[in-house]
Amino acid sequence: MDTPSEQRIDLLKAGDLDAFRGLVEEFKRKVYFIAYDIVGDHQEAEDVSQDVFIKVYRSLSRFRKDAKMSSWIYQITVNTCIDVIRRRKAKPQVQLADWGLSERYGDLPGSGGAAPDPARSAEAALMRRRIDLALTRVSPRERVVFVMRHFNDFKIREIAEALSVSDGTVKSLLFRALRKLRRELNVQSGGPRLEVRYE
């Protein structure tokens, strides 16, 4: 999703509803999944998605023609999600099944799809529950960068653009998130390990 054409931006800024509907259609799935992965709740993700496009529509006049539309929309999405997380009075115990993310852990140790035996299946289920809990205990920004990188396959530069921070800040947040996850999971040397992908 590159920098949009000037003609498209002009149509959007002029309030062309067809152009805006096209924009929503192009980004709605990605916005929803980013929100879903960050807030961990289907209804809240739906609400975030609606809020995001309302904010996009209201802010189109301030969009710079040389900017990337995708980065701008993802920045609004992330900020809206962080607001939702910060408004929560208590962090809920979220299950991976609720997040729809169980399959995304296929590359983590002990979390393979079809386990060959009951013992391995029980170990995988325990690891998933521990990851669920660990993810609720990192900061909102750490969760955001971890989710964008590992659940949505954003590149470091794309995350940096969406958060308006440097690549180094993203890497630092990823490192801190991983360190906290490891501590929460109490991963021992030689046992299952979580790794951050930096590029």
N, C-alpha and C. Protein backbone atom coordinates (compact mmCIF):
# COMPACT_ATOMS: atom_id res chain seq x y z
N MET A 1 0.84 -1.17 0.00
CA MET A 1 0.00 0.00 0.00
C MET A 1 0.89 1.23 0.00
N ASP A 2 1.11 1.77 -1.16
CA ASP A 2 2.04 2.88 -1.30
C ASP A 2 1.33 4.21 -1.07
N THR A 3 2.13 5.27 -1.25
CA THR A 3 1.56 6.61 -1.15
C THR A 3 0.42 6.73 -2.15
N PRO A 4 -0.78 7.13 -1.73
CA PRO A 4 -1.91 7.21 -2.65
C PRO A 4 -1.74 8.31 -3.68
N SER A 5 -2.43 8.17 -4.78
CA SER A 5 -2.35 9.17 -5.84
C SER A 5 -2.97 10.48 -5.35
N GLU A 6 -2.48 11.58 -5.92
CA GLU A 6 -3.02 12.90 -5.55
C GLU A 6 -4.50 12.98 -5.87
N GLN A 7 -4.90 12.34 -6.97
CA GLN A 7 -6.31 12.38 -7.35
C GLN A 7 -7.17 11.70 -6.29
N ARG A 8 -6.70 10.55 -5.78
CA ARG A 8 -7.45 9.84 -4.76
C ARG A 8 -7.54 10.68 -3.47
N ILE A 9 -6.43 11.28 -3.09
CA ILE A 9 -6.42 12.11 -1.88
C ILE A 9 -7.37 13.29 -2.04
N ASP A 10 -7.34 13.92 -3.22
CA ASP A 10 -8.23 15.05 -3.47
C ASP A 10 -9.69 14.63 -3.35
N LEU A 11 -10.02 13.46 -3.89
CA LEU A 11 -11.40 12.96 -3.80
C LEU A 11 -11.78 12.70 -2.34
N LEU A 12 -10.87 12.09 -1.60
CA LEU A 12 -11.14 11.81 -0.19
C LEU A 12 -11.33 13.09 0.61
N LYS A 13 -10.44 14.05 0.39
CA LYS A 13 -10.52 15.32 1.12
C LYS A 13 -11.77 16.11 0.73
N ALA A 14 -12.25 15.89 -0.48
CA ALA A 14 -13.46 16.59 -0.93
C ALA A 14 -14.73 15.92 -0.40
N GLY A 15 -14.55 14.81 0.33
CA GLY A 15 -15.71 14.13 0.92
C GLY A 15 -16.41 13.18 -0.03
N ASP A 16 -15.72 12.73 -1.08
CA ASP A 16 -16.30 11.78 -2.02
C ASP A 16 -16.58 10.45 -1.31
N LEU A 17 -17.86 10.10 -1.19
CA LEU A 17 -18.23 8.91 -0.42
C LEU A 17 -17.79 7.62 -1.09
N ASP A 18 -17.79 7.59 -2.42
CA ASP A 18 -17.32 6.39 -3.11
C ASP A 18 -15.84 6.15 -2.85
N ALA A 19 -15.06 7.24 -2.86
CA ALA A 19 -13.62 7.12 -2.58
C ALA A 19 -13.41 6.65 -1.15
N PHE A 20 -14.21 7.16 -0.22
CA PHE A 20 -14.07 6.76 1.18
C PHE A 20 -14.49 5.31 1.37
N ARG A 21 -15.58 4.90 0.72
CA ARG A 21 -16.00 3.50 0.81
C ARG A 21 -14.91 2.58 0.27
N GLY A 22 -14.25 3.00 -0.79
CA GLY A 22 -13.14 2.21 -1.33
C GLY A 22 -12.00 2.10 -0.35
N LEU A 23 -11.72 3.18 0.35
CA LEU A 23 -10.66 3.18 1.36
C LEU A 23 -11.01 2.22 2.50
N VAL A 24 -12.25 2.29 2.97
CA VAL A 24 -12.70 1.39 4.04
C VAL A 24 -12.59 -0.05 3.59
N GLU A 25 -13.05 -0.32 2.38
CA GLU A 25 -13.01 -1.68 1.85
C GLU A 25 -11.57 -2.20 1.78
N GLU A 26 -10.66 -1.33 1.40
CA GLU A 26 -9.25 -1.73 1.26
C GLU A 26 -8.60 -2.05 2.60
N PHE A 27 -8.96 -1.31 3.64
CA PHE A 27 -8.25 -1.44 4.91
C PHE A 27 -9.03 -2.11 6.04
N LYS A 28 -10.31 -2.37 5.86
CA LYS A 28 -11.14 -2.79 6.99
C LYS A 28 -10.68 -4.10 7.61
N ARG A 29 -10.28 -5.07 6.80
CA ARG A 29 -9.86 -6.36 7.37
C ARG A 29 -8.57 -6.21 8.18
N LYS A 30 -7.61 -5.50 7.63
CA LYS A 30 -6.34 -5.33 8.32
C LYS A 30 -6.52 -4.55 9.62
N VAL A 31 -7.31 -3.51 9.57
CA VAL A 31 -7.58 -2.71 10.77
C VAL A 31 -8.25 -3.59 11.83
N TYR A 32 -9.23 -4.38 11.42
CA TYR A 32 -9.93 -5.24 12.37
C TYR A 32 -8.97 -6.24 13.01
N PHE A 33 -8.15 -6.90 12.20
CA PHE A 33 -7.26 -7.92 12.75
C PHE A 33 -6.18 -7.34 13.65
N ILE A 34 -5.67 -6.17 13.30
CA ILE A 34 -4.70 -5.51 14.20
C ILE A 34 -5.40 -5.21 15.53
N ALA A 35 -6.60 -4.64 15.46
CA ALA A 35 -7.35 -4.31 16.67
C ALA A 35 -7.66 -5.56 17.48
N TYR A 36 -8.08 -6.60 16.79
CA TYR A 36 -8.44 -7.87 17.45
C TYR A 36 -7.23 -8.45 18.19
N ASP A 37 -6.09 -8.43 17.53
CA ASP A 37 -4.87 -8.98 18.15
C ASP A 37 -4.42 -8.15 19.35
N ILE A 38 -4.65 -6.85 19.30
CA ILE A 38 -4.19 -5.99 20.39
C ILE A 38 -5.16 -5.99 21.56
N VAL A 39 -6.45 -5.81 21.30
CA VAL A 39 -7.41 -5.70 22.41
C VAL A 39 -7.95 -7.05 22.87
N GLY A 40 -7.85 -8.06 22.02
CA GLY A 40 -8.22 -9.41 22.43
C GLY A 40 -9.70 -9.68 22.58
N ASP A 41 -10.53 -8.91 21.92
CA ASP A 41 -11.97 -9.09 22.06
C ASP A 41 -12.65 -8.71 20.75
N HIS A 42 -13.54 -9.59 20.28
CA HIS A 42 -14.19 -9.37 18.99
C HIS A 42 -15.02 -8.08 18.98
N GLN A 43 -15.86 -7.90 20.00
CA GLN A 43 -16.73 -6.72 20.02
C GLN A 43 -15.93 -5.43 20.12
N GLU A 44 -14.90 -5.44 20.98
CA GLU A 44 -14.06 -4.24 21.10
C GLU A 44 -13.31 -3.97 19.81
N ALA A 45 -12.88 -5.03 19.12
CA ALA A 45 -12.19 -4.85 17.85
C ALA A 45 -13.12 -4.24 16.80
N GLU A 46 -14.39 -4.68 16.82
CA GLU A 46 -15.38 -4.09 15.91
C GLU A 46 -15.57 -2.60 16.23
N ASP A 47 -15.68 -2.30 17.53
CA ASP A 47 -15.85 -0.90 17.95
C ASP A 47 -14.64 -0.06 17.56
N VAL A 48 -13.44 -0.61 17.78
CA VAL A 48 -12.21 0.09 17.40
C VAL A 48 -12.21 0.37 15.91
N SER A 49 -12.57 -0.63 15.11
CA SER A 49 -12.58 -0.47 13.65
C SER A 49 -13.50 0.68 13.23
N GLN A 50 -14.68 0.72 13.82
CA GLN A 50 -15.61 1.82 13.49
C GLN A 50 -15.03 3.16 13.91
N ASP A 51 -14.47 3.21 15.12
CA ASP A 51 -13.86 4.45 15.60
C ASP A 51 -12.73 4.91 14.68
N VAL A 52 -11.92 3.95 14.24
CA VAL A 52 -10.78 4.27 13.38
C VAL A 52 -11.25 4.97 12.11
N PHE A 53 -12.26 4.41 11.45
CA PHE A 53 -12.68 4.99 10.19
C PHE A 53 -13.44 6.30 10.37
N ILE A 54 -14.07 6.47 11.51
CA ILE A 54 -14.67 7.78 11.83
C ILE A 54 -13.55 8.81 11.98
N LYS A 55 -12.50 8.43 12.71
CA LYS A 55 -11.36 9.34 12.90
C LYS A 55 -10.66 9.63 11.58
N VAL A 56 -10.52 8.60 10.75
CA VAL A 56 -9.90 8.79 9.43
C VAL A 56 -10.71 9.80 8.62
N TYR A 57 -12.02 9.61 8.59
CA TYR A 57 -12.88 10.50 7.81
C TYR A 57 -12.77 11.94 8.30
N ARG A 58 -12.78 12.09 9.63
CA ARG A 58 -12.73 13.44 10.20
C ARG A 58 -11.36 14.10 10.04
N SER A 59 -10.32 13.28 9.85
CA SER A 59 -8.95 13.82 9.80
C SER A 59 -8.37 13.90 8.39
N LEU A 60 -9.15 13.53 7.39
CA LEU A 60 -8.63 13.49 6.02
C LEU A 60 -8.06 14.83 5.57
N SER A 61 -8.64 15.90 6.05
CA SER A 61 -8.16 17.22 5.62
C SER A 61 -6.72 17.47 6.08
N ARG A 62 -6.29 16.76 7.12
CA ARG A 62 -4.93 16.95 7.63
C ARG A 62 -3.94 15.94 7.08
N PHE A 63 -4.41 15.01 6.26
CA PHE A 63 -3.50 14.00 5.70
C PHE A 63 -2.55 14.64 4.70
N ARG A 64 -1.24 14.36 4.86
CA ARG A 64 -0.24 14.92 3.95
C ARG A 64 -0.16 14.07 2.69
N LYS A 65 -0.07 14.73 1.56
CA LYS A 65 -0.07 14.01 0.29
C LYS A 65 1.16 13.15 0.09
N ASP A 66 2.25 13.47 0.79
CA ASP A 66 3.48 12.68 0.62
C ASP A 66 3.56 11.52 1.62
N ALA A 67 2.54 11.37 2.46
CA ALA A 67 2.56 10.32 3.50
C ALA A 67 2.00 9.02 2.94
N LYS A 68 2.27 7.93 3.68
CA LYS A 68 1.70 6.63 3.33
C LYS A 68 0.35 6.48 4.01
N MET A 69 -0.66 6.26 3.22
CA MET A 69 -2.01 6.10 3.77
C MET A 69 -2.06 4.94 4.76
N SER A 70 -1.40 3.84 4.44
CA SER A 70 -1.44 2.66 5.31
C SER A 70 -0.85 2.98 6.68
N SER A 71 0.32 3.61 6.71
CA SER A 71 0.96 3.93 7.99
C SER A 71 0.09 4.86 8.82
N TRP A 72 -0.54 5.82 8.16
CA TRP A 72 -1.40 6.77 8.86
C TRP A 72 -2.61 6.05 9.48
N ILE A 73 -3.23 5.18 8.72
CA ILE A 73 -4.40 4.43 9.22
C ILE A 73 -3.99 3.49 10.35
N TYR A 74 -2.84 2.82 10.20
CA TYR A 74 -2.40 1.90 11.26
C TYR A 74 -2.03 2.66 12.53
N GLN A 75 -1.50 3.86 12.37
CA GLN A 75 -1.18 4.69 13.55
C GLN A 75 -2.46 5.03 14.31
N ILE A 76 -3.50 5.41 13.59
CA ILE A 76 -4.79 5.71 14.22
C ILE A 76 -5.33 4.45 14.90
N THR A 77 -5.19 3.31 14.25
CA THR A 77 -5.66 2.03 14.81
C THR A 77 -4.95 1.72 16.12
N VAL A 78 -3.63 1.81 16.10
CA VAL A 78 -2.83 1.49 17.29
C VAL A 78 -3.17 2.44 18.43
N ASN A 79 -3.25 3.74 18.15
CA ASN A 79 -3.57 4.71 19.20
C ASN A 79 -4.96 4.46 19.80
N THR A 80 -5.91 4.10 18.94
CA THR A 80 -7.26 3.80 19.42
C THR A 80 -7.25 2.56 20.31
N CYS A 81 -6.49 1.55 19.91
CA CYS A 81 -6.38 0.32 20.71
C CYS A 81 -5.73 0.60 22.07
N ILE A 82 -4.68 1.40 22.06
CA ILE A 82 -4.00 1.74 23.32
C ILE A 82 -4.97 2.47 24.25
N ASP A 83 -5.79 3.35 23.70
CA ASP A 83 -6.79 4.05 24.51
C ASP A 83 -7.76 3.05 25.15
N VAL A 84 -8.18 2.05 24.37
CA VAL A 84 -9.10 1.03 24.88
C VAL A 84 -8.45 0.27 26.04
N ILE A 85 -7.20 -0.14 25.84
CA ILE A 85 -6.50 -0.90 26.88
C ILE A 85 -6.34 -0.07 28.15
N ARG A 86 -5.98 1.18 27.98
CA ARG A 86 -5.76 2.04 29.15
C ARG A 86 -7.06 2.34 29.90
N ARG A 87 -8.19 2.30 29.19
CA ARG A 87 -9.48 2.56 29.85
C ARG A 87 -9.96 1.38 30.68
N ARG A 88 -9.42 0.23 30.41
CA ARG A 88 -9.87 -0.94 31.17
C ARG A 88 -9.46 -0.80 32.64
N LYS A 89 -10.40 -1.06 33.51
CA LYS A 89 -10.10 -0.94 34.94
C LYS A 89 -9.31 -2.14 35.43
N ALA A 90 -9.57 -3.28 34.83
CA ALA A 90 -8.85 -4.50 35.21
C ALA A 90 -8.55 -5.28 33.94
N LYS A 91 -7.37 -5.87 33.89
CA LYS A 91 -7.01 -6.65 32.72
C LYS A 91 -7.71 -8.00 32.79
N PRO A 92 -8.50 -8.36 31.78
CA PRO A 92 -9.20 -9.64 31.81
C PRO A 92 -8.27 -10.79 31.49
N GLN A 93 -8.67 -11.95 31.92
CA GLN A 93 -7.95 -13.16 31.56
C GLN A 93 -8.44 -13.57 30.17
N VAL A 94 -7.63 -13.33 29.16
CA VAL A 94 -8.03 -13.59 27.78
C VAL A 94 -7.44 -14.92 27.33
N GLN A 95 -8.27 -15.73 26.71
CA GLN A 95 -7.81 -17.01 26.19
C GLN A 95 -7.47 -16.86 24.71
N LEU A 96 -6.50 -17.64 24.25
CA LEU A 96 -6.14 -17.57 22.83
C LEU A 96 -7.32 -17.90 21.95
N ALA A 97 -8.17 -18.80 22.42
CA ALA A 97 -9.34 -19.17 21.61
C ALA A 97 -10.23 -17.95 21.40
N ASP A 98 -10.33 -17.09 22.44
CA ASP A 98 -11.12 -15.87 22.30
C ASP A 98 -10.48 -14.92 21.30
N TRP A 99 -9.16 -14.91 21.25
CA TRP A 99 -8.45 -14.03 20.34
C TRP A 99 -8.44 -14.56 18.92
N GLY A 100 -8.74 -15.86 18.77
CA GLY A 100 -8.63 -16.47 17.44
C GLY A 100 -7.19 -16.61 17.03
N LEU A 101 -6.27 -16.75 18.00
CA LEU A 101 -4.84 -16.74 17.68
C LEU A 101 -4.16 -18.09 17.92
N SER A 102 -4.88 -19.10 18.35
CA SER A 102 -4.24 -20.36 18.68
C SER A 102 -3.37 -20.86 17.53
N GLU A 103 -3.88 -20.73 16.32
CA GLU A 103 -3.13 -21.23 15.16
C GLU A 103 -1.89 -20.41 14.90
N ARG A 104 -1.83 -19.18 15.41
CA ARG A 104 -0.68 -18.32 15.14
C ARG A 104 0.53 -18.73 15.95
N TYR A 105 0.34 -19.61 16.92
CA TYR A 105 1.45 -20.03 17.74
C TYR A 105 2.07 -21.32 17.22
N GLY A 106 1.76 -21.69 16.01
CA GLY A 106 2.27 -22.93 15.45
C GLY A 106 3.78 -23.02 15.43
N ASP A 107 4.49 -21.89 15.37
CA ASP A 107 5.95 -21.93 15.29
C ASP A 107 6.60 -21.82 16.66
N LEU A 108 5.80 -21.75 17.75
CA LEU A 108 6.38 -21.71 19.08
C LEU A 108 6.53 -23.12 19.61
N PRO A 109 7.60 -23.37 20.37
CA PRO A 109 7.80 -24.71 20.92
C PRO A 109 6.61 -25.14 21.76
N GLY A 110 6.25 -26.42 21.60
CA GLY A 110 5.17 -26.97 22.40
C GLY A 110 3.79 -26.54 21.96
N SER A 111 3.69 -25.88 20.79
CA SER A 111 2.37 -25.39 20.39
C SER A 111 1.98 -25.86 19.00
N GLY A 112 2.58 -26.93 18.53
CA GLY A 112 2.27 -27.43 17.20
C GLY A 112 0.81 -27.80 17.08
N GLY A 113 0.33 -27.88 15.85
CA GLY A 113 -1.07 -28.14 15.60
C GLY A 113 -1.56 -29.45 16.20
N ALA A 114 -1.50 -30.53 15.44
CA ALA A 114 -1.98 -31.82 15.92
C ALA A 114 -0.86 -32.49 16.69
N ALA A 115 -1.02 -32.60 17.99
CA ALA A 115 0.00 -33.21 18.82
C ALA A 115 -0.03 -34.72 18.62
N PRO A 116 1.16 -35.37 18.61
CA PRO A 116 1.21 -36.80 18.35
C PRO A 116 0.72 -37.65 19.51
N ASP A 117 0.68 -37.07 20.72
CA ASP A 117 0.21 -37.86 21.85
C ASP A 117 -0.43 -36.95 22.90
N PRO A 118 -1.19 -37.53 23.84
CA PRO A 118 -1.89 -36.72 24.84
C PRO A 118 -0.95 -35.88 25.70
N ALA A 119 0.22 -36.41 26.04
CA ALA A 119 1.16 -35.66 26.88
C ALA A 119 1.61 -34.39 26.17
N ARG A 120 1.93 -34.51 24.88
CA ARG A 120 2.35 -33.34 24.12
C ARG A 120 1.21 -32.34 23.96
N SER A 121 -0.01 -32.87 23.77
CA SER A 121 -1.18 -32.01 23.65
C SER A 121 -1.41 -31.22 24.94
N ALA A 122 -1.26 -31.88 26.09
CA ALA A 122 -1.43 -31.20 27.37
C ALA A 122 -0.36 -30.14 27.57
N GLU A 123 0.88 -30.44 27.16
CA GLU A 123 1.98 -29.48 27.28
C GLU A 123 1.71 -28.25 26.41
N ALA A 124 1.20 -28.49 25.19
CA ALA A 124 0.89 -27.38 24.28
C ALA A 124 -0.21 -26.50 24.86
N ALA A 125 -1.23 -27.12 25.44
CA ALA A 125 -2.34 -26.36 26.02
C ALA A 125 -1.84 -25.51 27.19
N LEU A 126 -0.95 -26.08 28.00
CA LEU A 126 -0.40 -25.34 29.14
C LEU A 126 0.41 -24.14 28.65
N MET A 127 1.23 -24.34 27.61
CA MET A 127 2.03 -23.26 27.06
C MET A 127 1.13 -22.14 26.52
N ARG A 128 0.04 -22.51 25.85
CA ARG A 128 -0.88 -21.50 25.33
C ARG A 128 -1.51 -20.68 26.46
N ARG A 129 -1.90 -21.35 27.54
CA ARG A 129 -2.48 -20.62 28.67
C ARG A 129 -1.47 -19.67 29.29
N ARG A 130 -0.22 -20.11 29.37
CA ARG A 130 0.82 -19.28 29.95
C ARG A 130 1.11 -18.07 29.05
N ILE A 131 1.09 -18.28 27.74
CA ILE A 131 1.31 -17.16 26.81
C ILE A 131 0.14 -16.17 26.91
N ASP A 132 -1.09 -16.70 27.01
CA ASP A 132 -2.26 -15.83 27.20
C ASP A 132 -2.04 -14.87 28.36
N LEU A 133 -1.69 -15.43 29.49
CA LEU A 133 -1.52 -14.64 30.70
C LEU A 133 -0.35 -13.67 30.55
N ALA A 134 0.75 -14.14 29.98
CA ALA A 134 1.93 -13.29 29.83
C ALA A 134 1.64 -12.08 28.96
N LEU A 135 0.84 -12.25 27.91
CA LEU A 135 0.54 -11.14 27.01
C LEU A 135 -0.30 -10.05 27.69
N THR A 136 -1.03 -10.41 28.73
CA THR A 136 -1.81 -9.39 29.44
C THR A 136 -0.95 -8.58 30.39
N ARG A 137 0.31 -8.98 30.56
CA ARG A 137 1.16 -8.34 31.57
C ARG A 137 2.28 -7.49 30.98
N VAL A 138 2.30 -7.34 29.67
CA VAL A 138 3.26 -6.41 29.09
C VAL A 138 2.55 -5.07 28.89
N SER A 139 3.31 -4.01 28.71
CA SER A 139 2.70 -2.69 28.54
C SER A 139 1.94 -2.62 27.21
N PRO A 140 1.00 -1.68 27.08
CA PRO A 140 0.26 -1.58 25.81
C PRO A 140 1.18 -1.40 24.60
N ARG A 141 2.20 -0.55 24.70
CA ARG A 141 3.09 -0.33 23.56
C ARG A 141 3.92 -1.58 23.24
N GLU A 142 4.33 -2.29 24.28
CA GLU A 142 5.08 -3.53 24.05
C GLU A 142 4.18 -4.57 23.39
N ARG A 143 2.95 -4.65 23.85
CA ARG A 143 2.02 -5.60 23.23
C ARG A 143 1.78 -5.24 21.78
N VAL A 144 1.60 -3.93 21.51
CA VAL A 144 1.35 -3.47 20.15
C VAL A 144 2.47 -3.90 19.20
N VAL A 145 3.73 -3.61 19.57
CA VAL A 145 4.81 -3.94 18.65
C VAL A 145 4.97 -5.46 18.52
N PHE A 146 4.77 -6.19 19.61
CA PHE A 146 4.88 -7.65 19.55
C PHE A 146 3.81 -8.24 18.65
N VAL A 147 2.58 -7.76 18.82
CA VAL A 147 1.45 -8.24 18.02
C VAL A 147 1.64 -7.88 16.55
N MET A 148 2.03 -6.63 16.28
CA MET A 148 2.21 -6.23 14.88
C MET A 148 3.32 -7.04 14.21
N ARG A 149 4.40 -7.30 14.95
CA ARG A 149 5.53 -8.02 14.37
C ARG A 149 5.24 -9.51 14.21
N HIS A 150 4.72 -10.13 15.26
CA HIS A 150 4.61 -11.59 15.26
C HIS A 150 3.25 -12.14 14.88
N PHE A 151 2.19 -11.36 15.02
CA PHE A 151 0.88 -11.85 14.63
C PHE A 151 0.46 -11.32 13.26
N ASN A 152 0.99 -10.15 12.89
CA ASN A 152 0.57 -9.52 11.63
C ASN A 152 1.70 -9.35 10.62
N ASP A 153 2.89 -9.82 10.97
CA ASP A 153 4.04 -9.84 10.05
C ASP A 153 4.44 -8.47 9.50
N PHE A 154 4.28 -7.43 10.31
CA PHE A 154 4.78 -6.12 9.92
C PHE A 154 6.30 -6.11 10.01
N LYS A 155 6.94 -5.39 9.11
CA LYS A 155 8.38 -5.18 9.20
C LYS A 155 8.66 -4.12 10.27
N ILE A 156 9.88 -4.13 10.79
CA ILE A 156 10.27 -3.16 11.82
C ILE A 156 10.00 -1.73 11.34
N ARG A 157 10.38 -1.43 10.09
CA ARG A 157 10.19 -0.08 9.54
C ARG A 157 8.71 0.28 9.49
N GLU A 158 7.84 -0.68 9.13
CA GLU A 158 6.40 -0.41 9.05
C GLU A 158 5.82 -0.11 10.43
N ILE A 159 6.29 -0.85 11.43
CA ILE A 159 5.82 -0.60 12.80
C ILE A 159 6.28 0.78 13.24
N ALA A 160 7.54 1.10 12.95
CA ALA A 160 8.10 2.41 13.32
C ALA A 160 7.28 3.54 12.69
N GLU A 161 6.92 3.38 11.42
CA GLU A 161 6.13 4.40 10.73
C GLU A 161 4.75 4.54 11.36
N ALA A 162 4.13 3.40 11.69
CA ALA A 162 2.79 3.43 12.27
C ALA A 162 2.79 4.05 13.66
N LEU A 163 3.89 3.88 14.40
CA LEU A 163 3.96 4.43 15.76
C LEU A 163 4.67 5.78 15.82
N SER A 164 5.19 6.23 14.68
CA SER A 164 5.95 7.49 14.62
C SER A 164 7.14 7.47 15.58
N VAL A 165 7.87 6.35 15.54
CA VAL A 165 9.07 6.21 16.36
C VAL A 165 10.19 5.67 15.47
N SER A 166 11.39 5.58 16.02
CA SER A 166 12.52 5.06 15.26
C SER A 166 12.51 3.54 15.22
N ASP A 167 13.26 2.98 14.27
CA ASP A 167 13.42 1.52 14.22
C ASP A 167 14.01 1.02 15.53
N GLY A 168 14.95 1.78 16.09
CA GLY A 168 15.59 1.38 17.33
C GLY A 168 14.61 1.29 18.48
N THR A 169 13.63 2.22 18.52
CA THR A 169 12.62 2.19 19.57
C THR A 169 11.75 0.94 19.44
N VAL A 170 11.39 0.61 18.21
CA VAL A 170 10.60 -0.61 17.99
C VAL A 170 11.38 -1.84 18.46
N LYS A 171 12.66 -1.92 18.10
CA LYS A 171 13.47 -3.06 18.51
C LYS A 171 13.59 -3.12 20.03
N SER A 172 13.71 -1.97 20.66
CA SER A 172 13.80 -1.92 22.11
C SER A 172 12.50 -2.41 22.75
N LEU A 173 11.36 -1.97 22.21
CA LEU A 173 10.07 -2.42 22.73
C LEU A 173 9.89 -3.92 22.53
N LEU A 174 10.32 -4.41 21.38
CA LEU A 174 10.24 -5.86 21.12
C LEU A 174 11.11 -6.62 22.11
N PHE A 175 12.30 -6.12 22.34
CA PHE A 175 13.22 -6.78 23.27
C PHE A 175 12.62 -6.82 24.68
N ARG A 176 12.05 -5.68 25.12
CA ARG A 176 11.47 -5.63 26.45
C ARG A 176 10.26 -6.56 26.56
N ALA A 177 9.44 -6.58 25.50
CA ALA A 177 8.27 -7.47 25.51
C ALA A 177 8.72 -8.93 25.61
N LEU A 178 9.72 -9.29 24.84
CA LEU A 178 10.21 -10.66 24.86
C LEU A 178 10.79 -11.02 26.23
N ARG A 179 11.54 -10.08 26.80
CA ARG A 179 12.13 -10.33 28.12
C ARG A 179 11.04 -10.56 29.16
N LYS A 180 9.98 -9.75 29.11
CA LYS A 180 8.88 -9.91 30.06
C LYS A 180 8.14 -11.22 29.82
N LEU A 181 7.92 -11.54 28.54
CA LEU A 181 7.23 -12.80 28.23
C LEU A 181 8.04 -13.99 28.73
N ARG A 182 9.35 -13.94 28.52
CA ARG A 182 10.20 -15.03 29.00
C ARG A 182 10.12 -15.15 30.52
N ARG A 183 10.14 -13.99 31.19
CA ARG A 183 10.08 -14.01 32.65
C ARG A 183 8.73 -14.57 33.11
N GLU A 184 7.66 -14.13 32.46
CA GLU A 184 6.34 -14.62 32.82
C GLU A 184 6.21 -16.12 32.56
N LEU A 185 6.78 -16.55 31.48
CA LEU A 185 6.70 -17.97 31.11
C LEU A 185 7.71 -18.82 31.88
N ASN A 186 8.65 -18.13 32.55
CA ASN A 186 9.67 -18.83 33.32
C ASN A 186 10.38 -19.88 32.48
N VAL A 187 10.78 -19.46 31.27
CA VAL A 187 11.46 -20.38 30.36
C VAL A 187 12.87 -20.64 30.88
N GLN A 188 13.22 -21.88 31.08
CA GLN A 188 14.53 -22.24 31.59
C GLN A 188 15.51 -22.48 30.46
N SER A 189 16.77 -22.30 30.77
CA SER A 189 17.82 -22.51 29.77
C SER A 189 17.73 -23.93 29.24
N GLY A 190 17.77 -24.04 27.93
CA GLY A 190 17.69 -25.35 27.30
C GLY A 190 16.27 -25.78 27.03
N GLY A 191 15.28 -25.04 27.57
CA GLY A 191 13.88 -25.38 27.34
C GLY A 191 13.33 -24.60 26.17
N PRO A 192 11.98 -24.58 26.04
CA PRO A 192 11.37 -23.84 24.94
C PRO A 192 11.73 -22.37 25.04
N ARG A 193 12.00 -21.72 23.90
CA ARG A 193 12.41 -20.32 23.90
C ARG A 193 11.57 -19.53 22.91
N LEU A 194 11.27 -18.30 23.30
CA LEU A 194 10.62 -17.36 22.39
C LEU A 194 11.69 -16.51 21.76
N GLU A 195 11.59 -16.27 20.48
CA GLU A 195 12.57 -15.44 19.78
C GLU A 195 11.88 -14.30 19.07
N VAL A 196 12.49 -13.13 19.12
CA VAL A 196 11.98 -11.97 18.38
C VAL A 196 12.64 -11.92 17.02
N ARG A 197 11.83 -11.67 15.98
CA ARG A 197 12.37 -11.52 14.63
C ARG A 197 12.58 -10.03 14.38
N TYR A 198 13.82 -9.64 14.15
CA TYR A 198 14.11 -8.22 13.93
C TYR A 198 14.08 -7.84 12.47
N GLU A 199 14.15 -8.76 11.58
CA GLU A 199 13.96 -8.50 10.15
C GLU A 199 13.85 -9.80 9.40
